[in-house]
Structures are given as structure tokens and as C-alpha cells.
Amino acid sequence: MSTPHYDVLVIGLGVIGASISYHAAQRGLRVLAVDRAEEPRPPTASWASAGGVRRQGRDPAEAALATEAIARWPTLATELEADLHYRQGGQLLLAESEIEAHDLANFVAKQHAMGFTDICLVSRAEALELVPGLNADVLAGSYSPTDGQADATRTAQAFARAAERFGATIWTNTPVAHLVLQGERVVGVNSGRGIVYAETVVLAAGAWGAALCRGIGLELPVRTEAYQMLLSTRADTTFLRPVIGAVGRALSLKQLNDGAFLIGGGYPGTIAPDGNSCSVRLDSQEASWRTACELLPSVGRQHLERAWCGLEALCIDEIPLIGPAPEREGLFLAIGFSGHGFAIAPAIGRAVADQITGRDSSAFVGLTPARIARFEPATVAAFLAGR
């Protein structure tokens, strides 16, 4: 029996890997996508994602991708033939002191410099029009009207199903044991279904990707973090349209279509010793709930329904590594999204597929894995140790 061979083999079917699989299959490539699970599930990042669709607050290296992605989101459900629970309610970042308001004005100027000219500084009165009931300390806000929210699990599944419609092969419940090397070139993977070869292997395995690279002698400046989410009981009405955050608070607050509040912001969970699961920390749970209730007191009329956390790959400079792996031909990295990859997934998939097929790769200039060489080894070691 011959060993399977594909043009592109994608490791990981979270929203990033599924988007890459879809766009590569669209271009007529023979695509195999493999994932250790049946679907996004605990503790993967796509399962635990807050689902924010934001352009505001991006690193300049992501600006073009964010602009492209935000433009696609309003029609993405039609393109993928699925309900993504997408809502373009905007994003509102709030200041609660004069110093924060001053910082926010500078922040808006930086957004304009990246081409996000629709983002505007709003007064307290204007912020209250957007979100009634904000606390008495709110003085100003930065409002991005084209931002929004969607369901991350639904979106990942929709990209995967659309990839299949274009001919991609999907293997779930298929862990990858290690990457297969011939000399210095990655030529395939050793999976739960045996060895599979491909011209290009795309590593989009989230928190599990760095370990696979380590197995071929490639140390990435990427470590695993656990981030927590909270879900409230359902309010009678849906009144919170934008996703809201605050300059001086760790908070991402949104209201879902059923009235429940979804609360994130990067509060830490506890990673299990084997690195494959995580658990909620009570102090994080209490702090996150308190923060949301303080900024928008009406949240406090509800009760905490559920808390969970997921594993996220955090890159040393908090922007992803996207592009050919250094010193390992045949391997393409899409890893280290640092908690903010979901929104730009549509653009990531398109741009990766273009680069693999020899088209324009300018979208990844500031995200190239070649920048790994710029980090001091001691700095990387301290980062990987969690310091």
C-alpha cells in the first residue's frame, strides 16, 4: 500500500488551521488537515476563545491582515454556508481617569496612523449612548464601529466543512507524534494513521506546536498560557452591542444573542503538569467577575453560570510567527497568536495559501519566523521558563 502524499498538510483544525485548509483547497491544492480531536474542545484556544472580531489595538505588523479580515466578516457566513453568530456591534475601549483619557487620545492617533481612520474618540455622553449604564468613572472611549464578535467554535467548524467541499481531506482524532525529516527538510508527519508525506507541512497546532518543532531541533520563542472565560446567566434583554474593554482593566466583555454575558480579558488559569489541560483559578474567577460588574454594574444583576479556561500559545513579542520555518525547508509556521488570532483568521488563511502557491507574501513581512534570530538566547530562555 502506497504512502499518502499531499500538496499541503495542515496540523491543527482550530480556526487558524481550518481557515488555511479552506483557502488552500480553494486553490485546487491537495490538502490534508489533521487534528488530535473530533472538533474544537477543551482546552484548545478555538474552543475557549472569547470570539472578539477586532481591528482596534492591533500591532502594526497585523494591520493589513486585520483590515482585510474585518472587511470579510460581514459576508463570511454566506461564504462558508454557516451561522457563525457574527454581530458587528463595534468595540468600545474605555478610560476611567484623566490620565487614561489622555492615553486613549494618543491611542486613537496611532490607530489612524495604521489606516484605521473610522476609529474615533468619544466623550462620556457618547459612550453612554453606545452602552447605557457604564459606571460613573468613565470619562471617554475609543470606538471602532466595524469590530464585533462571533462564535469561535462554529467558525472553525464552518471553515473545516467548507474545506471538505473543496476537496480537502479531514482526519480528526488523529494526533501527530512527530514531524518527519529528510536531511533538513520536513517532508511529512508521523500520525495516528501512520506516516503521511506532503510538499508543505503547515504547523497550526496552537499550544501543541512548539513541542513538535522541538522534536526536530527547532526551539520557538513560544510558551503555553491558560486564559480564563466566564459566562453569566441570561439577562432578559440584549442591550450591550459593542464588545467593551478598559484601558486600566483586564477585561473583554460582550453580551451574546441569548442575553448571557461572556467575560474574558486574560485572567490566568492553572496548567496541568503534562501541559495538556488546565483548570480555573478561584482568585482569577472572582477578579474577572468583579471587574466586569464594576465597569458595567448591570452585569451584577446576573449570576456566574460557568467558568472555563483554554490553552493559548504566547509568542515572546505577542504577535504570531507566520511563514517558512527557519532552517527547516518544507515547514510553514502559523503559531503563537497570543490570544488574538481569531479575528484575523480569514485573512491568515488567504495569505498563507497565497504564499504557499508562490503569490504575494507581503502580508507577513513583520510576522516572519526569521525574526526569531533577533531575540537573545537568555531572553528566550527566561520567557520559556515563564519569567
Protein backbone atom coordinates (compact mmCIF):
# COMPACT_ATOMS: atom_id res chain seq x y z
CA MET A 1 0.00 0.00 0.00
CA SER A 2 1.48 3.36 -1.05
CA THR A 3 2.11 6.12 1.50
CA PRO A 4 -0.32 9.07 1.09
CA HIS A 5 1.18 12.26 -0.37
CA TYR A 6 -0.40 15.71 -0.41
CA ASP A 7 0.46 19.20 -1.59
CA VAL A 8 -0.31 20.69 1.82
CA LEU A 9 -0.66 19.00 5.19
CA VAL A 10 -2.14 21.24 7.91
CA ILE A 11 -1.61 20.26 11.55
CA GLY A 12 -4.45 21.66 13.64
CA LEU A 13 -8.10 22.34 12.89
CA GLY A 14 -8.69 25.28 15.15
CA VAL A 15 -9.89 28.39 13.41
CA ILE A 16 -6.42 29.21 12.00
CA GLY A 17 -5.68 25.73 10.66
CA ALA A 18 -9.20 25.30 9.30
CA SER A 19 -9.04 28.65 7.51
CA ILE A 20 -5.70 27.74 5.94
CA SER A 21 -7.10 24.36 4.86
CA TYR A 22 -10.13 26.02 3.27
CA HIS A 23 -8.17 28.61 1.34
CA ALA A 24 -5.55 26.10 0.17
CA ALA A 25 -8.26 23.71 -1.05
CA GLN A 26 -9.96 26.61 -2.83
CA ARG A 27 -6.80 26.99 -4.90
CA GLY A 28 -7.01 23.39 -6.06
CA LEU A 29 -4.25 22.03 -3.84
CA ARG A 30 -4.45 18.50 -2.45
CA VAL A 31 -4.97 19.26 1.22
CA LEU A 32 -4.92 17.01 4.28
CA ALA A 33 -5.81 18.58 7.64
CA VAL A 34 -5.26 16.56 10.81
CA ASP A 35 -6.30 17.24 14.38
CA ARG A 36 -5.95 15.38 17.66
CA ALA A 37 -9.64 15.94 18.46
CA GLU A 38 -13.01 15.43 16.76
CA GLU A 39 -13.77 19.16 16.92
CA PRO A 40 -12.59 22.21 18.90
CA ARG A 41 -12.88 21.06 22.52
CA PRO A 42 -11.34 21.74 25.92
CA PRO A 43 -8.70 23.02 26.34
CA THR A 44 -8.00 24.30 22.79
CA ALA A 45 -7.81 28.02 22.09
CA SER A 46 -10.59 27.95 19.48
CA TRP A 47 -12.92 26.24 21.95
CA ALA A 48 -12.06 28.71 24.74
CA SER A 49 -11.89 31.85 22.58
CA ALA A 50 -13.83 34.96 23.56
CA GLY A 51 -14.72 35.39 19.90
CA GLY A 52 -13.79 39.05 19.57
CA VAL A 53 -13.60 40.32 15.99
CA ARG A 54 -11.46 43.41 16.45
CA ARG A 55 -9.16 45.58 14.43
CA GLN A 56 -8.65 48.15 17.19
CA GLY A 57 -5.46 47.72 19.20
CA ARG A 58 -3.53 45.66 16.66
CA ASP A 59 0.20 45.57 16.30
CA PRO A 60 1.26 47.42 13.12
CA ALA A 61 2.58 44.11 11.73
CA GLU A 62 -1.00 42.80 11.76
CA ALA A 63 -2.71 45.96 10.48
CA ALA A 64 -3.17 44.95 6.83
CA LEU A 65 -4.42 41.47 7.79
CA ALA A 66 -6.83 42.96 10.30
CA THR A 67 -8.26 45.38 7.74
CA GLU A 68 -8.75 42.57 5.23
CA ALA A 69 -10.36 40.28 7.79
CA ILE A 70 -12.75 42.90 9.18
CA ALA A 71 -13.96 43.60 5.63
CA ARG A 72 -14.69 39.89 5.09
CA TRP A 73 -16.51 39.10 8.32
CA PRO A 74 -19.93 40.57 7.34
CA THR A 75 -20.22 38.13 4.41
CA LEU A 76 -18.24 35.22 5.83
CA ALA A 77 -21.32 33.29 6.98
CA THR A 78 -22.67 33.34 3.42
CA GLU A 79 -19.30 32.31 2.00
CA LEU A 80 -18.97 29.38 4.42
CA GLU A 81 -22.69 28.49 4.35
CA ALA A 82 -22.94 28.51 8.15
CA ASP A 83 -24.31 30.58 11.02
CA LEU A 84 -21.26 31.98 12.81
CA HIS A 85 -23.24 34.02 15.36
CA TYR A 86 -21.48 37.06 13.96
CA ARG A 87 -22.57 40.50 15.07
CA GLN A 88 -20.95 43.78 14.01
CA GLY A 89 -21.65 45.78 17.14
CA GLY A 90 -18.31 47.59 17.34
CA GLN A 91 -15.71 47.67 20.09
CA LEU A 92 -15.51 50.32 22.82
CA LEU A 93 -12.34 50.81 24.86
CA LEU A 94 -12.98 52.98 27.94
CA ALA A 95 -10.95 55.42 30.03
CA GLU A 96 -11.78 55.93 33.72
CA SER A 97 -9.37 58.74 34.62
CA GLU A 98 -7.91 61.90 33.08
CA ILE A 99 -4.57 60.13 32.55
CA GLU A 100 -6.27 57.20 30.80
CA ALA A 101 -8.30 59.61 28.66
CA HIS A 102 -5.09 61.32 27.57
CA ASP A 103 -3.52 57.95 26.77
CA LEU A 104 -6.62 56.98 24.83
CA ALA A 105 -6.37 60.08 22.64
CA ASN A 106 -2.81 59.07 21.74
CA PHE A 107 -4.01 55.53 21.14
CA VAL A 108 -6.62 56.74 18.62
CA ALA A 109 -3.94 58.73 16.79
CA LYS A 110 -1.90 55.53 16.46
CA GLN A 111 -4.93 53.67 15.09
CA HIS A 112 -5.32 56.36 12.42
CA ALA A 113 -1.63 56.04 11.54
CA MET A 114 -2.27 52.33 10.80
CA GLY A 115 -5.11 53.27 8.46
CA PHE A 116 -7.97 52.63 10.89
CA THR A 117 -9.46 56.06 10.28
CA ASP A 118 -13.01 55.13 11.30
CA ILE A 119 -11.92 54.64 14.92
CA CYS A 120 -12.92 57.69 16.91
CA LEU A 121 -12.55 59.20 20.35
CA VAL A 122 -15.92 59.52 22.10
CA SER A 123 -16.97 61.52 25.15
CA ARG A 124 -18.63 60.10 28.24
CA ALA A 125 -22.04 61.11 26.89
CA GLU A 126 -21.35 59.38 23.59
CA ALA A 127 -20.04 56.27 25.37
CA LEU A 128 -23.28 56.14 27.38
CA GLU A 129 -25.30 56.31 24.18
CA LEU A 130 -23.40 53.27 22.94
CA VAL A 131 -23.56 51.42 26.29
CA PRO A 132 -26.12 52.71 28.83
CA GLY A 133 -25.28 52.10 32.47
CA LEU A 134 -21.48 52.42 32.44
CA ASN A 135 -20.00 53.32 35.82
CA ALA A 136 -19.60 56.92 36.98
CA ASP A 137 -15.84 56.94 36.42
CA VAL A 138 -15.95 56.51 32.65
CA LEU A 139 -14.73 59.72 31.00
CA ALA A 140 -14.09 58.78 27.39
CA GLY A 141 -13.79 55.93 24.95
CA SER A 142 -12.22 54.77 21.73
CA TYR A 143 -14.87 53.35 19.43
CA SER A 144 -14.27 51.07 16.45
CA PRO A 145 -17.64 50.67 14.69
CA THR A 146 -16.65 47.85 12.31
CA ASP A 147 -15.45 45.48 15.04
CA GLY A 148 -17.71 42.84 16.52
CA GLN A 149 -17.97 39.27 17.75
CA ALA A 150 -18.62 35.71 16.55
CA ASP A 151 -18.61 32.14 17.84
CA ALA A 152 -15.11 30.68 17.51
CA THR A 153 -16.07 27.01 17.59
CA ARG A 154 -18.78 27.47 14.97
CA THR A 155 -16.35 29.40 12.78
CA ALA A 156 -13.62 26.75 12.98
CA GLN A 157 -16.11 24.02 12.12
CA ALA A 158 -17.52 26.07 9.23
CA PHE A 159 -14.07 26.58 7.70
CA ALA A 160 -13.35 22.84 8.01
CA ARG A 161 -16.63 21.82 6.35
CA ALA A 162 -16.06 24.36 3.57
CA ALA A 163 -12.56 22.94 3.05
CA GLU A 164 -14.08 19.49 2.59
CA ARG A 165 -16.49 20.86 -0.01
CA PHE A 166 -13.45 21.99 -2.00
CA GLY A 167 -11.89 18.54 -1.77
CA ALA A 168 -9.75 18.71 1.35
CA THR A 169 -9.32 15.51 3.36
CA ILE A 170 -10.01 15.91 7.09
CA TRP A 171 -8.61 13.49 9.67
CA THR A 172 -9.88 14.08 13.20
CA ASN A 173 -8.94 12.08 16.29
CA THR A 174 -5.51 11.84 14.68
CA PRO A 175 -2.64 13.02 16.88
CA VAL A 176 0.68 13.86 15.29
CA ALA A 177 3.57 12.13 17.07
CA HIS A 178 6.33 14.00 15.30
CA LEU A 179 7.40 15.72 12.12
CA VAL A 180 9.29 13.62 9.55
CA LEU A 181 12.67 14.95 8.40
CA GLN A 182 14.78 14.07 5.38
CA GLY A 183 18.03 15.92 5.93
CA GLU A 184 16.96 19.42 6.96
CA ARG A 185 13.63 19.28 5.14
CA VAL A 186 10.28 18.45 6.72
CA VAL A 187 8.58 16.02 4.35
CA GLY A 188 5.57 14.87 6.35
CA VAL A 189 4.29 13.70 9.73
CA ASN A 190 4.07 10.51 11.71
CA SER A 191 0.41 10.49 12.75
CA GLY A 192 -2.05 8.18 14.43
CA ARG A 193 -2.74 6.80 10.95
CA GLY A 194 0.90 6.32 10.03
CA ILE A 195 3.39 8.39 8.04
CA VAL A 196 1.97 10.90 5.57
CA TYR A 197 4.06 12.97 3.15
CA ALA A 198 3.44 16.47 1.82
CA GLU A 199 5.26 19.13 -0.17
CA THR A 200 4.45 21.66 2.55
CA VAL A 201 3.57 20.99 6.19
CA VAL A 202 1.74 23.86 7.88
CA LEU A 203 2.00 23.89 11.66
CA ALA A 204 -1.13 25.49 13.12
CA ALA A 205 -1.34 23.35 16.25
CA GLY A 206 -1.65 26.15 18.80
CA ALA A 207 -0.32 25.24 22.23
CA TRP A 208 1.00 21.90 20.94
CA GLY A 209 3.02 23.31 18.05
CA ALA A 210 6.21 24.32 19.85
CA ALA A 211 6.75 20.77 21.12
CA LEU A 212 6.52 19.38 17.59
CA CYS A 213 9.17 21.87 16.46
CA ARG A 214 11.35 20.98 19.43
CA GLY A 215 11.27 17.38 18.18
CA ILE A 216 13.16 18.44 15.04
CA GLY A 217 15.63 20.65 16.90
CA LEU A 218 13.80 23.94 16.33
CA GLU A 219 13.19 25.94 19.51
CA LEU A 220 10.45 28.54 19.11
CA PRO A 221 10.07 31.50 21.49
CA VAL A 222 6.53 30.34 22.23
CA ARG A 223 5.16 29.15 25.56
CA THR A 224 1.76 27.93 26.72
CA GLU A 225 -0.55 30.06 28.85
CA ALA A 226 -4.00 29.28 30.26
CA TYR A 227 -6.61 32.02 29.92
CA GLN A 228 -9.98 32.01 31.63
CA MET A 229 -13.52 32.78 30.44
CA LEU A 230 -16.73 33.37 32.40
CA LEU A 231 -20.36 33.08 31.32
CA SER A 232 -23.23 34.68 33.21
CA THR A 233 -26.87 33.71 33.46
CA ARG A 234 -29.07 35.18 30.73
CA ALA A 235 -30.36 38.73 31.04
CA ASP A 236 -33.91 39.39 29.86
CA THR A 237 -32.78 41.81 27.17
CA THR A 238 -29.76 42.16 24.89
CA PHE A 239 -28.62 45.77 25.33
CA LEU A 240 -24.84 45.54 25.06
CA ARG A 241 -23.98 45.85 21.39
CA PRO A 242 -20.26 46.63 21.37
CA VAL A 243 -17.56 44.50 22.90
CA ILE A 244 -16.19 46.62 25.74
CA GLY A 245 -12.85 46.83 27.50
CA ALA A 246 -10.99 49.43 29.54
CA VAL A 247 -7.54 51.00 29.46
CA GLY A 248 -6.87 50.22 33.12
CA ARG A 249 -8.60 46.86 33.40
CA ALA A 250 -8.01 43.33 32.12
CA LEU A 251 -11.41 42.89 30.52
CA SER A 252 -13.22 41.81 27.38
CA LEU A 253 -16.98 41.96 27.94
CA LYS A 254 -19.67 41.08 25.45
CA GLN A 255 -23.31 40.03 25.53
CA LEU A 256 -24.35 37.02 23.49
CA ASN A 257 -27.52 36.73 21.45
CA ASP A 258 -29.24 34.79 24.24
CA GLY A 259 -28.60 37.59 26.77
CA ALA A 260 -25.71 35.99 28.67
CA PHE A 261 -22.53 37.96 29.29
CA LEU A 262 -19.22 36.47 28.15
CA ILE A 263 -16.26 37.78 30.15
CA GLY A 264 -12.59 37.45 29.27
CA GLY A 265 -9.51 39.57 29.48
CA GLY A 266 -6.58 37.26 30.06
CA TYR A 267 -7.06 36.17 33.67
CA PRO A 268 -4.85 33.12 34.20
CA GLY A 269 -5.85 29.52 34.81
CA THR A 270 -3.63 26.72 36.08
CA ILE A 271 -1.87 24.50 33.54
CA ALA A 272 -1.69 20.79 34.38
CA PRO A 273 1.80 19.28 34.79
CA ASP A 274 1.50 17.42 31.47
CA GLY A 275 0.63 20.66 29.66
CA ASN A 276 -2.45 19.15 28.04
CA SER A 277 -5.19 20.60 30.23
CA CYS A 278 -5.91 23.49 32.55
CA SER A 279 -8.23 24.46 35.38
CA VAL A 280 -9.88 27.65 36.60
CA ARG A 281 -8.33 29.57 39.47
CA LEU A 282 -10.79 30.88 42.05
CA ASP A 283 -8.91 34.17 42.51
CA SER A 284 -8.99 34.77 38.74
CA GLN A 285 -12.68 33.92 38.59
CA GLU A 286 -13.52 36.36 41.39
CA ALA A 287 -11.34 39.15 39.98
CA SER A 288 -12.72 38.79 36.45
CA TRP A 289 -16.34 38.82 37.63
CA ARG A 290 -15.72 41.81 39.91
CA THR A 291 -14.03 43.77 37.11
CA ALA A 292 -16.97 43.28 34.73
CA CYS A 293 -19.50 44.25 37.39
CA GLU A 294 -17.56 47.38 38.33
CA LEU A 295 -17.35 48.65 34.76
CA LEU A 296 -20.93 47.76 33.83
CA PRO A 297 -22.93 47.34 37.06
CA SER A 298 -25.90 45.73 35.31
CA VAL A 299 -23.76 42.60 34.84
CA GLY A 300 -24.03 42.16 38.59
CA ARG A 301 -27.76 41.51 38.31
CA GLN A 302 -26.84 38.15 36.83
CA HIS A 303 -25.05 35.21 38.39
CA LEU A 304 -21.98 33.30 37.29
CA GLU A 305 -23.19 30.36 35.23
CA ARG A 306 -19.92 28.75 34.17
CA ALA A 307 -16.15 29.26 34.15
CA TRP A 308 -13.54 27.56 31.98
CA CYS A 309 -10.09 28.12 30.53
CA GLY A 310 -8.13 27.17 27.44
CA LEU A 311 -4.51 26.81 26.39
CA GLU A 312 -3.02 29.55 24.24
CA ALA A 313 0.35 29.75 22.50
CA LEU A 314 2.01 33.01 23.56
CA CYS A 315 4.88 34.32 21.43
CA ILE A 316 7.70 36.27 23.06
CA ASP A 317 6.71 39.54 21.32
CA GLU A 318 2.96 38.79 21.42
CA ILE A 319 2.48 38.62 17.67
CA PRO A 320 2.36 35.35 15.70
CA LEU A 321 5.07 33.55 13.78
CA ILE A 322 3.75 33.16 10.23
CA GLY A 323 5.89 31.99 7.34
CA PRO A 324 8.58 29.45 6.42
CA ALA A 325 10.34 27.97 9.44
CA PRO A 326 13.99 28.95 9.78
CA GLU A 327 16.49 26.22 8.86
CA ARG A 328 13.76 23.69 8.06
CA GLU A 329 12.55 23.64 4.47
CA GLY A 330 9.07 22.34 3.83
CA LEU A 331 7.69 23.61 7.16
CA PHE A 332 5.42 26.65 7.32
CA LEU A 333 4.54 28.12 10.72
CA ALA A 334 1.25 29.69 11.77
CA ILE A 335 1.66 29.71 15.54
CA GLY A 336 1.90 31.96 18.59
CA PHE A 337 -1.22 34.05 18.05
CA SER A 338 -1.07 35.16 21.69
CA GLY A 339 -4.81 35.35 22.31
CA HIS A 340 -5.78 37.48 19.33
CA GLY A 341 -5.71 35.24 16.25
CA PHE A 342 -9.43 34.53 15.87
CA ALA A 343 -10.46 37.82 14.28
CA ILE A 344 -7.79 37.72 11.58
CA ALA A 345 -8.23 34.04 10.71
CA PRO A 346 -9.98 34.73 7.37
CA ALA A 347 -7.06 36.87 6.19
CA ILE A 348 -4.45 34.48 7.59
CA GLY A 349 -5.90 31.60 5.59
CA ARG A 350 -5.94 33.58 2.39
CA ALA A 351 -2.42 34.92 2.81
CA VAL A 352 -0.90 31.56 3.79
CA ALA A 353 -2.49 29.88 0.77
CA ASP A 354 -1.12 32.64 -1.45
CA GLN A 355 2.40 32.32 -0.07
CA ILE A 356 2.41 28.53 -0.40
CA THR A 357 1.42 28.85 -4.05
CA GLY A 358 4.11 31.43 -4.79
CA ARG A 359 1.91 34.51 -4.79
CA ASP A 360 2.40 37.77 -2.87
CA SER A 361 3.66 37.23 0.69
CA SER A 362 3.97 40.87 1.77
CA ALA A 363 1.24 40.47 4.41
CA PHE A 364 3.66 38.59 6.67
CA VAL A 365 6.70 40.88 6.47
CA GLY A 366 6.53 41.84 10.15
CA LEU A 367 5.45 38.37 11.30
CA THR A 368 8.13 36.23 9.67
CA PRO A 369 9.66 33.48 11.82
CA ALA A 370 13.07 34.72 10.68
CA ARG A 371 12.80 37.36 13.41
CA ILE A 372 13.50 34.60 15.97
CA ALA A 373 17.20 35.25 15.34
CA ARG A 374 16.86 38.75 16.80
CA PHE A 375 15.98 37.54 20.29
CA GLU A 376 18.80 36.97 22.76
CA PRO A 377 19.04 33.29 23.84
CA ALA A 378 18.97 34.27 27.52
CA THR A 379 15.83 36.35 26.97
CA VAL A 380 14.14 33.45 25.17
CA ALA A 381 15.13 31.01 27.93
CA ALA A 382 13.72 33.30 30.60
CA PHE A 383 10.50 33.73 28.63
CA LEU A 384 10.07 29.99 28.13
CA ALA A 385 10.59 29.50 31.86
CA GLY A 386 7.70 31.87 32.50
CA ARG A 387 9.72 34.82 33.71
